[in-house]
Amino acid sequence: MQAKIKWTDGVQFVAESGTGHAVVVDGPPDSGGRNTGPRPMELLLMGLGACSSYDVVTILKKSRQELVDCFTDVQAERVDAIPAVFSKIHLHFLIKGKDLKAAQVERAVRLSAEKYCSASIMLGNAGVEITHSHEVIEV
């Protein structure tokens, strides 16, 4: 896996993945940015949410659950020091589907947190307190 980061100006960068996908990363105007993209730590948080969501959706599909939608709200707290690392992160999954089994949803969230989500496990091993919750909505 690889990535390339190209500085454009101010505190704006273009980050390109090894698979050729790009995203603009920028800072706020008071830091010399133009607010044209997410902040680096926001990207890290988005990556964590996407990694775990990917696991939950994949596990539910393999469990033959009739999944209609998955929304994950990720909330984080950072320490008030330099470096301003994450201290706590909470992922809340809103799972919509037809005849979903609550036990299967709980299992999918647990397996992502404990076994499959590399981002979550890496951050947890670094001392970040990561918690999870979920809701099941019948459609």
N, C-alpha and C. Protein backbone atom coordinates (compact mmCIF):
# COMPACT_ATOMS: atom_id res chain seq x y z
N MET A 1 0.85 -1.17 0.00
CA MET A 1 0.00 0.00 0.00
C MET A 1 0.90 1.23 0.00
N GLN A 2 0.47 2.23 -0.73
CA GLN A 2 1.26 3.45 -0.78
C GLN A 2 0.37 4.66 -1.00
N ALA A 3 0.93 5.83 -0.79
CA ALA A 3 0.25 7.08 -1.05
C ALA A 3 1.30 8.13 -1.41
N LYS A 4 0.88 9.13 -2.15
CA LYS A 4 1.76 10.25 -2.49
C LYS A 4 1.04 11.53 -2.10
N ILE A 5 1.78 12.42 -1.49
CA ILE A 5 1.21 13.68 -1.03
C ILE A 5 1.95 14.81 -1.74
N LYS A 6 1.22 15.68 -2.43
CA LYS A 6 1.80 16.80 -3.17
C LYS A 6 1.33 18.10 -2.57
N TRP A 7 2.27 18.92 -2.14
CA TRP A 7 1.95 20.24 -1.61
C TRP A 7 1.55 21.14 -2.77
N THR A 8 0.44 21.86 -2.65
CA THR A 8 0.00 22.76 -3.71
C THR A 8 0.31 24.21 -3.35
N ASP A 9 -0.19 24.69 -2.20
CA ASP A 9 0.16 26.01 -1.69
C ASP A 9 -0.42 26.15 -0.30
N GLY A 10 0.03 27.18 0.41
CA GLY A 10 -0.45 27.39 1.77
C GLY A 10 -0.27 26.12 2.59
N VAL A 11 -1.38 25.60 3.11
CA VAL A 11 -1.35 24.30 3.81
C VAL A 11 -2.27 23.31 3.10
N GLN A 12 -2.37 23.48 1.78
CA GLN A 12 -3.20 22.59 0.97
C GLN A 12 -2.31 21.55 0.29
N PHE A 13 -2.80 20.31 0.27
CA PHE A 13 -2.08 19.20 -0.34
C PHE A 13 -3.07 18.38 -1.16
N VAL A 14 -2.57 17.64 -2.13
CA VAL A 14 -3.36 16.63 -2.82
C VAL A 14 -2.75 15.29 -2.43
N ALA A 15 -3.55 14.45 -1.82
CA ALA A 15 -3.12 13.12 -1.42
C ALA A 15 -3.67 12.12 -2.42
N GLU A 16 -2.77 11.32 -2.99
CA GLU A 16 -3.19 10.33 -3.98
C GLU A 16 -2.86 8.94 -3.47
N SER A 17 -3.85 8.07 -3.52
CA SER A 17 -3.65 6.69 -3.08
C SER A 17 -2.91 5.89 -4.14
N GLY A 18 -2.40 4.75 -3.74
CA GLY A 18 -1.72 3.87 -4.66
C GLY A 18 -2.63 3.35 -5.76
N THR A 19 -3.94 3.41 -5.54
CA THR A 19 -4.90 2.96 -6.55
C THR A 19 -5.37 4.11 -7.45
N GLY A 20 -4.77 5.28 -7.26
CA GLY A 20 -5.04 6.40 -8.16
C GLY A 20 -6.17 7.33 -7.76
N HIS A 21 -6.68 7.22 -6.56
CA HIS A 21 -7.74 8.11 -6.10
C HIS A 21 -7.11 9.27 -5.34
N ALA A 22 -7.67 10.46 -5.53
CA ALA A 22 -7.08 11.65 -4.92
C ALA A 22 -8.09 12.41 -4.07
N VAL A 23 -7.58 13.10 -3.06
CA VAL A 23 -8.39 13.94 -2.20
C VAL A 23 -7.57 15.17 -1.83
N VAL A 24 -8.23 16.32 -1.81
CA VAL A 24 -7.58 17.55 -1.38
C VAL A 24 -7.64 17.61 0.14
N VAL A 25 -6.52 17.93 0.75
CA VAL A 25 -6.43 18.09 2.20
C VAL A 25 -6.02 19.54 2.44
N ASP A 26 -6.70 20.22 3.35
CA ASP A 26 -6.41 21.64 3.57
C ASP A 26 -6.67 22.00 5.02
N GLY A 27 -6.27 23.19 5.38
CA GLY A 27 -6.48 23.70 6.72
C GLY A 27 -7.40 24.91 6.70
N PRO A 28 -7.70 25.44 7.87
CA PRO A 28 -8.56 26.63 7.95
C PRO A 28 -7.78 27.89 7.56
N PRO A 29 -8.48 28.94 7.19
CA PRO A 29 -7.82 30.19 6.80
C PRO A 29 -6.86 30.73 7.87
N ASP A 30 -7.21 30.57 9.15
CA ASP A 30 -6.33 31.11 10.19
C ASP A 30 -5.01 30.35 10.32
N SER A 31 -4.90 29.23 9.60
CA SER A 31 -3.65 28.47 9.57
C SER A 31 -2.98 28.53 8.20
N GLY A 32 -3.47 29.40 7.34
CA GLY A 32 -2.89 29.54 6.02
C GLY A 32 -3.58 28.73 4.94
N GLY A 33 -4.70 28.09 5.28
CA GLY A 33 -5.44 27.29 4.32
C GLY A 33 -6.59 28.06 3.71
N ARG A 34 -7.30 27.36 2.82
CA ARG A 34 -8.47 27.95 2.19
C ARG A 34 -9.73 27.12 2.45
N ASN A 35 -9.62 26.13 3.33
CA ASN A 35 -10.75 25.29 3.70
C ASN A 35 -11.34 24.56 2.48
N THR A 36 -10.47 24.05 1.61
CA THR A 36 -10.92 23.37 0.39
C THR A 36 -11.01 21.86 0.55
N GLY A 37 -10.69 21.35 1.72
CA GLY A 37 -10.76 19.90 1.94
C GLY A 37 -10.69 19.59 3.41
N PRO A 38 -10.86 18.32 3.74
CA PRO A 38 -10.80 17.93 5.16
C PRO A 38 -9.39 18.11 5.72
N ARG A 39 -9.33 18.23 7.04
CA ARG A 39 -8.05 18.30 7.75
C ARG A 39 -7.47 16.88 7.82
N PRO A 40 -6.16 16.76 8.00
CA PRO A 40 -5.56 15.43 8.08
C PRO A 40 -6.17 14.53 9.16
N MET A 41 -6.43 15.07 10.33
CA MET A 41 -7.00 14.24 11.40
C MET A 41 -8.45 13.87 11.10
N GLU A 42 -9.16 14.72 10.36
CA GLU A 42 -10.51 14.36 9.93
C GLU A 42 -10.45 13.18 8.97
N LEU A 43 -9.46 13.17 8.08
CA LEU A 43 -9.29 12.05 7.16
C LEU A 43 -9.03 10.75 7.92
N LEU A 44 -8.22 10.85 8.97
CA LEU A 44 -7.94 9.67 9.78
C LEU A 44 -9.22 9.13 10.40
N LEU A 45 -10.04 10.03 10.92
CA LEU A 45 -11.32 9.65 11.53
C LEU A 45 -12.27 9.07 10.48
N MET A 46 -12.31 9.69 9.30
CA MET A 46 -13.15 9.19 8.22
C MET A 46 -12.69 7.80 7.77
N GLY A 47 -11.38 7.61 7.73
CA GLY A 47 -10.83 6.30 7.36
C GLY A 47 -11.24 5.23 8.36
N LEU A 48 -11.18 5.56 9.64
CA LEU A 48 -11.60 4.62 10.68
C LEU A 48 -13.07 4.26 10.50
N GLY A 49 -13.92 5.27 10.31
CA GLY A 49 -15.36 5.02 10.14
C GLY A 49 -15.64 4.18 8.91
N ALA A 50 -14.95 4.46 7.82
CA ALA A 50 -15.16 3.70 6.59
C ALA A 50 -14.65 2.28 6.72
N CYS A 51 -13.51 2.10 7.39
CA CYS A 51 -12.94 0.76 7.60
C CYS A 51 -13.92 -0.12 8.38
N SER A 52 -14.42 0.42 9.47
CA SER A 52 -15.34 -0.35 10.31
C SER A 52 -16.68 -0.58 9.61
N SER A 53 -17.18 0.44 8.91
CA SER A 53 -18.44 0.30 8.17
C SER A 53 -18.33 -0.77 7.10
N TYR A 54 -17.20 -0.79 6.40
CA TYR A 54 -16.93 -1.80 5.39
C TYR A 54 -17.06 -3.20 6.01
N ASP A 55 -16.44 -3.39 7.17
CA ASP A 55 -16.51 -4.68 7.85
C ASP A 55 -17.94 -5.05 8.20
N VAL A 56 -18.67 -4.11 8.82
CA VAL A 56 -20.02 -4.39 9.29
C VAL A 56 -20.92 -4.76 8.11
N VAL A 57 -20.86 -4.00 7.02
CA VAL A 57 -21.68 -4.29 5.85
C VAL A 57 -21.31 -5.65 5.26
N THR A 58 -20.03 -5.91 5.12
CA THR A 58 -19.57 -7.19 4.55
C THR A 58 -20.00 -8.37 5.40
N ILE A 59 -19.84 -8.26 6.70
CA ILE A 59 -20.23 -9.34 7.61
C ILE A 59 -21.73 -9.58 7.56
N LEU A 60 -22.52 -8.52 7.55
CA LEU A 60 -23.98 -8.67 7.49
C LEU A 60 -24.42 -9.31 6.18
N LYS A 61 -23.80 -8.91 5.08
CA LYS A 61 -24.14 -9.52 3.79
C LYS A 61 -23.80 -11.00 3.78
N LYS A 62 -22.62 -11.36 4.33
CA LYS A 62 -22.23 -12.77 4.39
C LYS A 62 -23.15 -13.57 5.31
N SER A 63 -23.76 -12.88 6.27
CA SER A 63 -24.71 -13.52 7.19
C SER A 63 -26.10 -13.57 6.59
N ARG A 64 -26.22 -13.18 5.34
CA ARG A 64 -27.49 -13.18 4.59
C ARG A 64 -28.56 -12.30 5.24
N GLN A 65 -28.10 -11.18 5.80
CA GLN A 65 -29.02 -10.21 6.35
C GLN A 65 -29.45 -9.27 5.22
N GLU A 66 -30.72 -8.89 5.21
CA GLU A 66 -31.24 -8.03 4.14
C GLU A 66 -31.00 -6.57 4.51
N LEU A 67 -29.78 -6.15 4.28
CA LEU A 67 -29.32 -4.80 4.62
C LEU A 67 -29.78 -3.81 3.55
N VAL A 68 -30.31 -2.67 3.99
CA VAL A 68 -30.76 -1.63 3.08
C VAL A 68 -29.83 -0.41 3.16
N ASP A 69 -29.36 -0.08 4.36
CA ASP A 69 -28.52 1.09 4.53
C ASP A 69 -27.67 0.95 5.79
N CYS A 70 -26.53 1.60 5.76
CA CYS A 70 -25.64 1.65 6.93
C CYS A 70 -25.09 3.06 7.01
N PHE A 71 -25.31 3.69 8.14
CA PHE A 71 -24.79 5.03 8.39
C PHE A 71 -23.98 4.95 9.67
N THR A 72 -22.78 5.49 9.66
CA THR A 72 -21.94 5.45 10.85
C THR A 72 -21.56 6.86 11.25
N ASP A 73 -21.91 7.23 12.47
CA ASP A 73 -21.56 8.52 13.04
C ASP A 73 -20.33 8.32 13.91
N VAL A 74 -19.28 9.05 13.62
CA VAL A 74 -18.03 8.91 14.37
C VAL A 74 -17.77 10.22 15.12
N GLN A 75 -17.65 10.13 16.42
CA GLN A 75 -17.37 11.29 17.27
C GLN A 75 -16.03 11.06 17.96
N ALA A 76 -15.21 12.09 18.03
CA ALA A 76 -13.89 11.94 18.63
C ALA A 76 -13.54 13.11 19.54
N GLU A 77 -12.69 12.81 20.50
CA GLU A 77 -12.13 13.84 21.39
C GLU A 77 -10.62 13.77 21.23
N ARG A 78 -10.00 14.94 21.27
CA ARG A 78 -8.54 15.02 21.18
C ARG A 78 -7.99 15.62 22.46
N VAL A 79 -6.76 15.27 22.80
CA VAL A 79 -6.12 15.84 23.98
C VAL A 79 -5.81 17.31 23.72
N ASP A 80 -5.75 18.07 24.77
CA ASP A 80 -5.48 19.51 24.66
C ASP A 80 -3.98 19.74 24.87
N ALA A 81 -3.19 19.18 23.96
CA ALA A 81 -1.73 19.30 24.03
C ALA A 81 -1.18 19.01 22.64
N ILE A 82 0.10 19.24 22.48
CA ILE A 82 0.77 18.93 21.22
C ILE A 82 1.58 17.66 21.43
N PRO A 83 1.41 16.62 20.67
CA PRO A 83 0.49 16.49 19.56
C PRO A 83 -0.94 16.27 20.05
N ALA A 84 -1.90 16.80 19.32
CA ALA A 84 -3.32 16.71 19.70
C ALA A 84 -3.90 15.41 19.19
N VAL A 85 -3.46 14.31 19.79
CA VAL A 85 -3.91 12.98 19.37
C VAL A 85 -5.33 12.72 19.85
N PHE A 86 -5.97 11.73 19.24
CA PHE A 86 -7.29 11.32 19.70
C PHE A 86 -7.16 10.63 21.05
N SER A 87 -8.07 10.94 21.95
CA SER A 87 -8.11 10.25 23.24
C SER A 87 -9.30 9.30 23.30
N LYS A 88 -10.41 9.69 22.69
CA LYS A 88 -11.62 8.86 22.67
C LYS A 88 -12.28 8.96 21.31
N ILE A 89 -12.78 7.84 20.84
CA ILE A 89 -13.55 7.80 19.60
C ILE A 89 -14.76 6.90 19.82
N HIS A 90 -15.92 7.36 19.38
CA HIS A 90 -17.13 6.53 19.47
C HIS A 90 -17.73 6.39 18.08
N LEU A 91 -18.00 5.15 17.70
CA LEU A 91 -18.66 4.86 16.43
C LEU A 91 -20.07 4.38 16.73
N HIS A 92 -21.06 5.04 16.13
CA HIS A 92 -22.45 4.63 16.29
C HIS A 92 -22.98 4.22 14.91
N PHE A 93 -23.39 2.97 14.78
CA PHE A 93 -23.88 2.42 13.52
C PHE A 93 -25.40 2.45 13.51
N LEU A 94 -25.96 3.00 12.46
CA LEU A 94 -27.40 2.98 12.23
C LEU A 94 -27.61 2.02 11.05
N ILE A 95 -28.16 0.86 11.35
CA ILE A 95 -28.30 -0.21 10.37
C ILE A 95 -29.77 -0.35 10.01
N LYS A 96 -30.08 -0.18 8.72
CA LYS A 96 -31.45 -0.32 8.25
C LYS A 96 -31.55 -1.57 7.40
N GLY A 97 -32.65 -2.30 7.58
CA GLY A 97 -32.84 -3.49 6.78
C GLY A 97 -34.18 -4.13 7.04
N LYS A 98 -34.38 -5.25 6.37
CA LYS A 98 -35.62 -5.99 6.50
C LYS A 98 -35.34 -7.28 7.26
N ASP A 99 -36.09 -7.48 8.34
CA ASP A 99 -35.96 -8.68 9.18
C ASP A 99 -34.54 -8.90 9.67
N LEU A 100 -33.84 -7.82 10.01
CA LEU A 100 -32.48 -7.95 10.53
C LEU A 100 -32.52 -8.59 11.91
N LYS A 101 -31.59 -9.49 12.15
CA LYS A 101 -31.47 -10.11 13.46
C LYS A 101 -30.51 -9.26 14.30
N ALA A 102 -31.00 -8.77 15.43
CA ALA A 102 -30.21 -7.90 16.30
C ALA A 102 -28.89 -8.57 16.69
N ALA A 103 -28.92 -9.87 16.94
CA ALA A 103 -27.70 -10.58 17.32
C ALA A 103 -26.66 -10.58 16.20
N GLN A 104 -27.12 -10.63 14.95
CA GLN A 104 -26.20 -10.61 13.82
C GLN A 104 -25.56 -9.22 13.67
N VAL A 105 -26.34 -8.18 13.90
CA VAL A 105 -25.81 -6.82 13.82
C VAL A 105 -24.79 -6.62 14.94
N GLU A 106 -25.13 -7.02 16.15
CA GLU A 106 -24.21 -6.90 17.28
C GLU A 106 -22.92 -7.67 17.01
N ARG A 107 -23.03 -8.85 16.45
CA ARG A 107 -21.87 -9.68 16.12
C ARG A 107 -21.00 -8.99 15.07
N ALA A 108 -21.61 -8.40 14.05
CA ALA A 108 -20.86 -7.72 13.00
C ALA A 108 -20.07 -6.53 13.56
N VAL A 109 -20.68 -5.74 14.42
CA VAL A 109 -20.01 -4.61 15.04
C VAL A 109 -18.86 -5.09 15.92
N ARG A 110 -19.11 -6.13 16.70
CA ARG A 110 -18.08 -6.68 17.59
C ARG A 110 -16.90 -7.25 16.81
N LEU A 111 -17.18 -8.02 15.74
CA LEU A 111 -16.11 -8.60 14.94
C LEU A 111 -15.26 -7.52 14.27
N SER A 112 -15.90 -6.46 13.80
CA SER A 112 -15.14 -5.36 13.21
C SER A 112 -14.21 -4.76 14.26
N ALA A 113 -14.76 -4.48 15.44
CA ALA A 113 -13.98 -3.83 16.50
C ALA A 113 -12.84 -4.71 17.02
N GLU A 114 -13.10 -5.99 17.16
CA GLU A 114 -12.13 -6.87 17.82
C GLU A 114 -11.20 -7.63 16.88
N LYS A 115 -11.62 -7.79 15.61
CA LYS A 115 -10.85 -8.68 14.75
C LYS A 115 -10.47 -8.10 13.39
N TYR A 116 -11.36 -7.38 12.74
CA TYR A 116 -11.15 -7.04 11.34
C TYR A 116 -10.71 -5.61 11.03
N CYS A 117 -11.18 -4.62 11.75
CA CYS A 117 -10.89 -3.23 11.40
C CYS A 117 -9.47 -2.85 11.81
N SER A 118 -8.59 -2.86 10.84
CA SER A 118 -7.18 -2.55 11.09
C SER A 118 -7.00 -1.17 11.71
N ALA A 119 -7.75 -0.19 11.22
CA ALA A 119 -7.63 1.18 11.73
C ALA A 119 -8.05 1.25 13.20
N SER A 120 -9.16 0.61 13.54
CA SER A 120 -9.64 0.62 14.91
C SER A 120 -8.66 -0.09 15.85
N ILE A 121 -8.18 -1.22 15.43
CA ILE A 121 -7.26 -2.00 16.26
C ILE A 121 -5.94 -1.25 16.44
N MET A 122 -5.45 -0.64 15.38
CA MET A 122 -4.20 0.13 15.45
C MET A 122 -4.34 1.31 16.41
N LEU A 123 -5.43 2.07 16.28
CA LEU A 123 -5.63 3.21 17.16
C LEU A 123 -5.85 2.77 18.61
N GLY A 124 -6.60 1.68 18.80
CA GLY A 124 -6.82 1.15 20.14
C GLY A 124 -5.52 0.70 20.79
N ASN A 125 -4.65 0.07 20.01
CA ASN A 125 -3.36 -0.36 20.53
C ASN A 125 -2.46 0.83 20.88
N ALA A 126 -2.74 1.98 20.28
CA ALA A 126 -1.97 3.19 20.56
C ALA A 126 -2.54 3.96 21.76
N GLY A 127 -3.56 3.41 22.39
CA GLY A 127 -4.10 4.03 23.60
C GLY A 127 -5.37 4.83 23.43
N VAL A 128 -5.94 4.84 22.24
CA VAL A 128 -7.20 5.56 22.03
C VAL A 128 -8.35 4.70 22.56
N GLU A 129 -9.21 5.28 23.37
CA GLU A 129 -10.38 4.56 23.88
C GLU A 129 -11.46 4.58 22.79
N ILE A 130 -11.74 3.40 22.22
CA ILE A 130 -12.71 3.31 21.13
C ILE A 130 -13.92 2.52 21.60
N THR A 131 -15.09 3.12 21.43
CA THR A 131 -16.33 2.47 21.83
C THR A 131 -17.26 2.40 20.62
N HIS A 132 -18.22 1.49 20.71
CA HIS A 132 -19.15 1.26 19.61
C HIS A 132 -20.57 1.12 20.15
N SER A 133 -21.52 1.54 19.34
CA SER A 133 -22.93 1.30 19.64
C SER A 133 -23.64 1.15 18.29
N HIS A 134 -24.87 0.65 18.35
CA HIS A 134 -25.60 0.48 17.11
C HIS A 134 -27.11 0.54 17.35
N GLU A 135 -27.82 0.85 16.28
CA GLU A 135 -29.29 0.83 16.26
C GLU A 135 -29.70 0.04 15.03
N VAL A 136 -30.76 -0.70 15.17
CA VAL A 136 -31.33 -1.43 14.04
C VAL A 136 -32.69 -0.81 13.73
N ILE A 137 -32.89 -0.46 12.47
CA ILE A 137 -34.16 0.13 12.03
C ILE A 137 -34.77 -0.78 10.98
N GLU A 138 -35.97 -1.22 11.26
CA GLU A 138 -36.70 -2.09 10.34
C GLU A 138 -37.33 -1.23 9.24
N VAL A 139 -37.17 -1.67 8.00
CA VAL A 139 -37.79 -0.95 6.88
C VAL A 139 -38.74 -1.86 6.15
